[in-house]
C-alpha cells in the first residue's frame, strides 16, 4: 500500500477535507495582511520622484518654531499621566514623554502601526483638533490588567478588530488622558480636551490636510514590565490661538516685565511731562491762498466759540474741551474725557465689607 493510499486520521481523505490546511501556517498573518485588513496600503509603495535643487536640500523638512512653554506643558503632562495611570490601573505605572518634534500630518499617519486605535480629540477653547494614537501593546496591557490577568503572558492583539469591551476600556483611559491634557495646558491657556471618536484607519483620522505642519510627542507607559505608547499629534493650526503664549520663555510671563518693574513704572509715569495739542479745526486750502496771506489777513474758521475742540497727546486724543477765558487769558475747559479713568498707579478705593 503506498503512502498516498493511507487514510488520514479521522478517516477522511486530505484531498477532500476542506480543513486539512487549517493550522499555524494557515492563520499566521503578517504586517501586510494586517494593513490590508484595516485598510492600510496595498502593494509596494510607488517610488518617490527624485528631488532637485532646493527641494533636494531641504526635502520634506518642517520649519520648527521654538515653543518653550509647550515643553513645560509636556513635562507636566508626564507627571499627571503617571499619577492618573496608577489610579486607573491600581498598579505601579510609569510614564515618560519625549520632547516634541515637528512632522507632517500625512507622514505621522503613515507611521502608525496597525492595528491601532486613533482618538480624535477636540480642543474646545482653541477651536482645533489633535490626535492620540494607542498601539496594540498598550491596549492589550490595559485590558489584561483591568481584567485581572497580571500574571498571565500578554497576548498581542493582531489580525482582528477590537472588541466592544476593549474599546470601552480604552475610551475610559483616553478620557483620563484628555483630562490630564486639559490640566497640563491650563498654565498656558484654558483648554478643554474632549474625545470625539475613535478611528482604526489612519486615513479616516485626517483632521487637516496631509501636508500641514504639526508637532508630535510619544508617551511611553510601562506597567509591571508591560505597556506601550501613545503618539500625540498637535497641528500648528490648533496651536495658533495660543502660539504667543507658548513662545514665552518663562512660566507666567506677562507683558511689561516683572511685578517690581510694573509698580515702578506705574509710579513714574504720572510724573512724566507730555505735550498737548489743541486742534481747533483742520481744513484743506490751496497753496495759492496761503501764499497770498499778508499781515492782517483773516482766516475765518467754521467753528463757534462754544463748539468743543479735540485735545491730543502725542497723536492720541485724550479729551474734548471748549475755549473760555480766565483772568484775561484763553483757557480750555474740559467737557469730555476720552481716555479711561483710573490710572494704573491709582489704588482703587477701599470698599466697606
Protein backbone atom coordinates (compact mmCIF):
# COMPACT_ATOMS: atom_id res chain seq x y z
CA UNK A 1 0.00 0.00 0.00
CA UNK A 2 1.51 3.33 -0.99
CA UNK A 3 1.69 6.34 1.30
CA UNK A 4 -0.94 8.12 -0.73
CA UNK A 5 -3.43 5.35 -0.03
CA UNK A 6 -3.14 5.67 3.76
CA UNK A 7 -6.27 7.39 5.06
CA UNK A 8 -5.81 10.41 7.27
CA UNK A 9 -6.60 10.45 10.94
CA UNK A 10 -10.35 10.52 11.42
CA UNK A 11 -10.95 8.52 8.26
CA UNK A 12 -11.10 11.48 5.83
CA UNK A 13 -9.02 11.95 2.71
CA UNK A 14 -6.87 15.12 2.88
CA UNK A 15 -7.69 15.82 -0.73
CA UNK A 16 -11.35 16.26 0.11
CA UNK A 17 -11.01 17.60 3.66
CA UNK A 18 -11.54 21.40 3.50
CA UNK A 19 -9.95 21.86 6.97
CA UNK A 20 -6.80 19.90 6.18
CA UNK A 21 -4.72 23.05 5.63
CA UNK A 22 -6.04 24.81 8.77
CA UNK A 23 -3.15 25.17 11.18
CA UNK A 24 -0.47 27.52 12.36
CA UNK A 25 0.66 28.21 8.81
CA UNK A 26 -2.87 28.88 7.67
CA UNK A 27 -3.73 31.52 10.29
CA UNK A 28 -0.41 33.35 10.55
CA UNK A 29 -0.79 36.98 9.41
CA UNK A 30 1.98 39.37 8.62
CA UNK A 31 2.01 43.17 8.78
CA UNK A 32 0.90 43.29 5.15
CA UNK A 33 -2.17 41.19 5.92
CA UNK A 34 -2.97 43.38 8.91
CA UNK A 35 -2.60 46.53 6.82
CA UNK A 36 -4.94 45.03 4.23
CA UNK A 37 -7.47 44.08 6.91
CA UNK A 38 -7.51 47.56 8.43
CA UNK A 39 -7.43 49.47 5.18
CA UNK A 40 -3.70 50.07 5.01
CA UNK A 41 -1.64 50.47 1.87
CA UNK A 42 -1.78 47.57 -0.58
CA UNK A 43 1.10 46.53 -2.80
CA UNK A 44 4.57 48.03 -2.95
CA UNK A 45 4.95 51.74 -2.42
CA UNK A 46 5.41 53.84 -5.51
CA UNK A 47 8.97 55.09 -5.94
CA UNK A 48 9.44 58.68 -4.83
CA UNK A 49 10.21 61.18 -7.55
CA UNK A 50 13.79 62.47 -7.41
CA UNK A 51 14.23 65.86 -5.76
CA UNK A 52 16.32 68.54 -7.34
CA UNK A 53 17.62 71.96 -6.46
CA UNK A 54 16.39 73.47 -3.20
CA UNK A 55 13.92 70.62 -2.72
CA UNK A 56 16.84 68.17 -2.67
CA UNK A 57 18.48 70.20 0.12
CA UNK A 58 15.53 70.71 2.43
CA UNK A 59 13.40 67.71 1.39
CA UNK A 60 10.20 67.49 3.40
CA UNK A 61 11.64 69.34 6.37
CA UNK A 62 9.23 71.15 8.64
CA UNK A 63 10.18 74.57 9.95
CA UNK A 64 10.11 74.36 13.74
CA UNK A 65 9.41 77.36 15.92
CA UNK A 66 10.72 77.12 19.47
CA UNK A 67 7.84 76.86 21.91
CA UNK A 68 9.38 76.73 25.41
CA UNK A 69 6.05 76.65 27.19
CA UNK A 70 4.98 73.60 25.16
CA UNK A 71 7.93 71.64 26.56
CA UNK A 72 6.89 72.66 30.07
CA UNK A 73 3.31 71.54 29.41
CA UNK A 74 4.56 68.20 28.05
CA UNK A 75 6.71 67.62 31.14
CA UNK A 76 3.73 68.41 33.32
CA UNK A 77 1.60 66.01 31.28
CA UNK A 78 4.08 63.18 32.01
CA UNK A 79 3.70 63.72 35.76
CA UNK A 80 -0.09 63.94 35.55
CA UNK A 81 -0.36 60.80 33.39
CA UNK A 82 1.88 58.87 35.79
CA UNK A 83 -0.41 59.67 38.71
CA UNK A 84 -3.66 59.07 36.80
CA UNK A 85 -2.41 55.80 35.23
CA UNK A 86 -1.58 54.42 38.66
CA UNK A 87 -5.07 55.29 39.89
CA UNK A 88 -6.75 53.91 36.77
CA UNK A 89 -4.93 50.57 36.74
CA UNK A 90 -4.31 50.26 40.52
CA UNK A 91 -0.77 49.33 39.55
CA UNK A 92 2.69 50.85 39.57
CA UNK A 93 2.68 52.68 36.24
CA UNK A 94 5.34 55.00 34.89
CA UNK A 95 5.05 57.48 32.00
CA UNK A 96 7.95 59.03 30.08
CA UNK A 97 7.36 61.56 27.30
CA UNK A 98 9.90 62.55 24.66
CA UNK A 99 10.38 66.10 23.51
CA UNK A 100 8.06 67.36 20.80
CA UNK A 101 9.37 67.22 17.25
CA UNK A 102 7.98 68.64 14.00
CA UNK A 103 6.31 66.38 11.45
CA UNK A 104 3.86 66.48 8.56
CA UNK A 105 0.37 65.21 9.35
CA UNK A 106 0.43 62.74 6.47
CA UNK A 107 3.85 61.38 7.47
CA UNK A 108 2.63 60.89 11.04
CA UNK A 109 -0.40 58.87 9.90
CA UNK A 110 1.81 56.72 7.68
CA UNK A 111 3.98 55.70 10.67
CA UNK A 112 1.07 54.35 12.73
CA UNK A 113 1.44 50.58 13.11
CA UNK A 114 -1.83 48.71 12.65
CA UNK A 115 -3.93 47.61 14.37
CA UNK A 116 -4.29 50.73 16.49
CA UNK A 117 -6.96 52.98 17.93
CA UNK A 118 -6.68 56.64 16.95
CA UNK A 119 -8.57 59.04 19.19
CA UNK A 120 -9.92 62.25 17.60
CA UNK A 121 -9.74 64.88 20.36
CA UNK A 122 -11.30 68.32 20.10
CA UNK A 123 -9.84 71.35 21.88
CA UNK A 124 -12.87 73.47 22.67
CA UNK A 125 -11.33 76.87 23.50
CA UNK A 126 -8.79 76.70 20.66
CA UNK A 127 -11.35 75.50 18.12
CA UNK A 128 -9.00 72.79 16.88
CA UNK A 129 -8.27 69.06 16.97
CA UNK A 130 -5.44 66.77 17.98
CA UNK A 131 -4.80 63.02 17.71
CA UNK A 132 -3.85 60.32 20.22
CA UNK A 133 -2.82 57.00 18.62
CA UNK A 134 -2.64 54.00 21.00
CA UNK A 135 -0.64 50.99 19.85
CA UNK A 136 -1.88 47.42 20.25
CA UNK A 137 0.60 46.55 23.03
CA UNK A 138 -0.75 49.30 25.27
CA UNK A 139 -4.36 48.35 24.55
CA UNK A 140 -3.65 44.69 25.31
CA UNK A 141 -1.84 45.61 28.54
CA UNK A 142 -4.69 47.82 29.74
CA UNK A 143 -7.34 45.21 29.02
CA UNK A 144 -5.27 42.42 30.61
CA UNK A 145 -4.55 44.39 33.80
CA UNK A 146 -8.11 45.67 34.20
CA UNK A 147 -9.46 42.15 33.81
CA UNK A 148 -7.09 40.79 36.46
CA UNK A 149 -4.61 38.99 34.21
CA UNK A 150 -1.48 40.42 35.80
CA UNK A 151 0.33 37.07 35.97
CA UNK A 152 -0.62 35.87 32.52
CA UNK A 153 1.58 36.34 29.48
CA UNK A 154 0.40 39.25 27.35
CA UNK A 155 -1.44 38.10 24.24
CA UNK A 156 -0.83 40.55 21.40
CA UNK A 157 -3.84 41.84 19.51
CA UNK A 158 -3.10 41.04 15.88
CA UNK A 159 -5.22 40.34 12.84
CA UNK A 160 -8.62 41.11 14.37
CA UNK A 161 -10.74 44.17 15.17
CA UNK A 162 -11.04 45.39 18.73
CA UNK A 163 -13.98 44.10 20.72
CA UNK A 164 -16.58 46.30 22.39
CA UNK A 165 -15.07 45.62 25.83
CA UNK A 166 -11.60 46.61 24.65
CA UNK A 167 -12.90 49.81 23.10
CA UNK A 168 -14.80 50.64 26.29
CA UNK A 169 -11.69 50.23 28.44
CA UNK A 170 -9.61 52.32 26.03
CA UNK A 171 -12.27 55.03 25.87
CA UNK A 172 -12.27 55.34 29.66
CA UNK A 173 -8.47 55.52 29.70
CA UNK A 174 -8.34 58.14 26.95
CA UNK A 175 -10.91 60.20 28.87
CA UNK A 176 -8.47 60.21 31.77
CA UNK A 177 -5.67 61.28 29.40
CA UNK A 178 -7.74 64.14 27.96
CA UNK A 179 -8.38 65.38 31.49
CA UNK A 180 -4.63 65.36 32.10
CA UNK A 181 -4.09 67.26 28.84
CA UNK A 182 -6.51 69.96 29.99
CA UNK A 183 -4.71 70.33 33.33
CA UNK A 184 -1.28 70.32 31.70
CA UNK A 185 -2.11 73.22 29.37
CA UNK A 186 -4.17 75.29 31.80
CA UNK A 187 -0.98 77.05 32.96
CA UNK A 188 -0.65 78.40 29.41
CA UNK A 189 -4.28 78.94 28.48
CA UNK A 190 -7.62 77.36 29.47
CA UNK A 191 -8.21 74.38 27.19
CA UNK A 192 -10.80 71.60 27.35
CA UNK A 193 -9.69 68.42 25.55
CA UNK A 194 -12.65 66.18 24.71
CA UNK A 195 -12.62 62.79 22.97
CA UNK A 196 -14.98 62.78 19.99
CA UNK A 197 -14.50 59.33 18.43
CA UNK A 198 -12.08 56.53 17.60
CA UNK A 199 -10.79 55.52 14.19
CA UNK A 200 -8.93 52.35 13.20
CA UNK A 201 -7.99 53.54 9.71
CA UNK A 202 -5.37 56.32 9.64
CA UNK A 203 -6.84 57.94 6.53
CA UNK A 204 -10.13 58.46 8.40
CA UNK A 205 -8.29 60.27 11.21
CA UNK A 206 -7.18 63.12 8.95
CA UNK A 207 -8.01 66.31 10.90
CA UNK A 208 -6.27 68.67 8.48
CA UNK A 209 -4.54 68.47 5.11
CA UNK A 210 -1.73 65.88 4.93
CA UNK A 211 0.95 68.47 4.13
CA UNK A 212 0.13 70.61 7.17
CA UNK A 213 2.88 71.03 9.76
CA UNK A 214 2.37 69.62 13.24
CA UNK A 215 4.16 68.65 16.45
CA UNK A 216 4.25 65.10 17.79
CA UNK A 217 5.46 63.53 21.01
CA UNK A 218 5.31 59.98 22.36
CA UNK A 219 4.24 58.91 25.86
CA UNK A 220 5.81 55.58 26.86
CA UNK A 221 3.70 53.82 29.52
CA UNK A 222 5.08 50.83 31.46
CA UNK A 223 3.06 48.70 33.89
CA UNK A 224 4.58 45.60 35.55
CA UNK A 225 7.02 45.06 32.72
CA UNK A 226 4.37 45.53 30.05
CA UNK A 227 2.80 48.54 28.43
CA UNK A 228 3.02 50.51 25.21
CA UNK A 229 2.89 54.05 23.95
CA UNK A 230 0.58 56.85 22.86
CA UNK A 231 1.60 59.10 19.96
CA UNK A 232 0.13 62.60 20.21
CA UNK A 233 -0.22 64.95 17.22
CA UNK A 234 -0.86 68.70 17.61
CA UNK A 235 -1.22 70.59 14.30
CA UNK A 236 0.19 74.09 14.23
CA UNK A 237 -3.25 75.32 13.17
CA UNK A 238 -4.65 74.11 16.51
CA UNK A 239 -1.84 75.84 18.43
CA UNK A 240 -2.19 79.15 16.57
CA UNK A 241 -4.60 80.77 19.11
CA UNK A 242 -2.00 80.31 21.89
CA UNK A 243 1.21 80.46 19.85
CA UNK A 244 2.33 83.70 21.51
CA UNK A 245 1.77 82.21 24.95
CA UNK A 246 3.65 79.03 24.05
CA UNK A 247 6.57 81.15 22.79
CA UNK A 248 7.17 82.64 26.25
CA UNK A 249 10.42 81.66 27.89
CA UNK A 250 9.19 81.83 31.49
CA UNK A 251 6.05 80.37 33.01
CA UNK A 252 3.62 83.16 33.89
CA UNK A 253 5.49 85.79 31.90
CA UNK A 254 3.42 88.94 31.45
CA UNK A 255 3.71 91.99 29.27
CA UNK A 256 5.60 94.85 30.91
CA UNK A 257 8.14 92.85 32.90
CA UNK A 258 8.04 91.61 36.45
CA UNK A 259 5.90 92.95 39.30
CA UNK A 260 8.58 95.27 40.73
CA UNK A 261 9.19 96.90 37.37
CA UNK A 262 5.48 97.37 36.67
CA UNK A 263 4.98 99.00 40.08
CA UNK A 264 7.91 101.35 39.50
CA UNK A 265 6.64 102.23 36.03
CA UNK A 266 3.14 102.96 37.38
CA UNK A 267 4.64 105.37 39.94
CA UNK A 268 6.87 107.23 37.50
CA UNK A 269 4.53 107.59 34.52
CA UNK A 270 2.14 110.07 36.24
CA UNK A 271 5.14 112.38 36.84
CA UNK A 272 6.27 112.39 33.22
CA UNK A 273 5.87 115.57 31.16
CA UNK A 274 3.92 115.31 27.93
CA UNK A 275 2.94 117.77 25.24
CA UNK A 276 -0.67 118.68 24.49
CA UNK A 277 -2.03 119.90 21.17
CA UNK A 278 -5.44 121.55 20.88
CA UNK A 279 -6.80 121.16 17.35
CA UNK A 280 -9.42 123.81 16.71
CA UNK A 281 -10.06 122.89 13.08
CA UNK A 282 -8.47 121.03 10.22
CA UNK A 283 -9.10 122.04 6.62
CA UNK A 284 -7.52 121.85 3.19
CA UNK A 285 -6.78 125.16 1.42
CA UNK A 286 -4.98 125.89 -1.86
CA UNK A 287 -1.33 126.86 -1.59
CA UNK A 288 -2.04 129.96 -3.65
CA UNK A 289 -4.32 131.21 -0.85
CA UNK A 290 -1.63 130.62 1.76
CA UNK A 291 0.95 132.41 -0.39
CA UNK A 292 -1.35 135.42 -0.62
CA UNK A 293 -1.57 135.87 3.15
CA UNK A 294 -0.27 139.19 4.48
CA UNK A 295 -0.05 140.64 7.97
CA UNK A 296 -3.65 141.42 8.93
CA UNK A 297 -5.22 138.71 6.75
CA UNK A 298 -8.17 136.96 8.37
CA UNK A 299 -8.84 133.22 8.19
CA UNK A 300 -12.45 132.52 9.02
CA UNK A 301 -12.93 129.22 10.84
CA UNK A 302 -16.08 127.18 10.53
CA UNK A 303 -16.41 126.84 14.30
CA UNK A 304 -18.14 128.82 17.02
CA UNK A 305 -16.58 129.65 20.36
CA UNK A 306 -18.79 127.21 22.28
CA UNK A 307 -18.03 124.28 19.97
CA UNK A 308 -15.71 121.64 21.54
CA UNK A 309 -12.21 121.09 20.20
CA UNK A 310 -10.06 117.94 20.34
CA UNK A 311 -7.01 117.84 22.61
CA UNK A 312 -4.25 115.37 21.59
CA UNK A 313 -1.27 113.95 23.48
CA UNK A 314 1.46 112.56 21.21
CA UNK A 315 -1.13 111.94 18.50
CA UNK A 316 -3.66 110.30 20.86
CA UNK A 317 -6.87 112.20 21.58
CA UNK A 318 -7.32 112.45 25.35
CA UNK A 319 -10.26 114.83 25.82
CA UNK A 320 -12.63 117.36 24.29
CA UNK A 321 -12.69 120.94 25.60
CA UNK A 322 -14.20 124.37 24.88
CA UNK A 323 -12.42 127.72 24.70
CA UNK A 324 -13.02 130.02 27.64
CA UNK A 325 -11.32 132.99 29.33
CA UNK A 326 -9.96 133.41 32.82
CA UNK A 327 -8.09 136.46 34.11
CA UNK A 328 -7.82 137.79 30.56
CA UNK A 329 -6.20 134.55 29.42
CA UNK A 330 -7.52 131.99 26.96
CA UNK A 331 -8.13 128.63 28.68
CA UNK A 332 -9.58 125.24 27.81
CA UNK A 333 -12.41 123.82 29.89
CA UNK A 334 -12.59 120.01 29.66
CA UNK A 335 -16.01 118.81 28.67
CA UNK A 336 -15.43 115.10 27.91
CA UNK A 337 -12.63 112.63 28.80
CA UNK A 338 -11.82 110.14 26.07
CA UNK A 339 -9.17 108.03 27.82
CA UNK A 340 -10.24 105.59 30.50
CA UNK A 341 -10.28 106.77 34.09
CA UNK A 342 -8.35 105.03 36.82
CA UNK A 343 -4.61 105.36 36.11
CA UNK A 344 -2.72 102.12 36.81
CA UNK A 345 -0.90 103.80 39.69
CA UNK A 346 -4.12 104.85 41.39
CA UNK A 347 -5.14 102.40 44.08
CA UNK A 348 -8.83 101.53 43.99
CA UNK A 349 -10.89 102.96 46.77
CA UNK A 350 -11.47 100.59 49.65
CA UNK A 351 -14.96 99.24 49.86
CA UNK A 352 -16.70 98.59 53.15
CA UNK A 353 -17.32 94.92 53.70
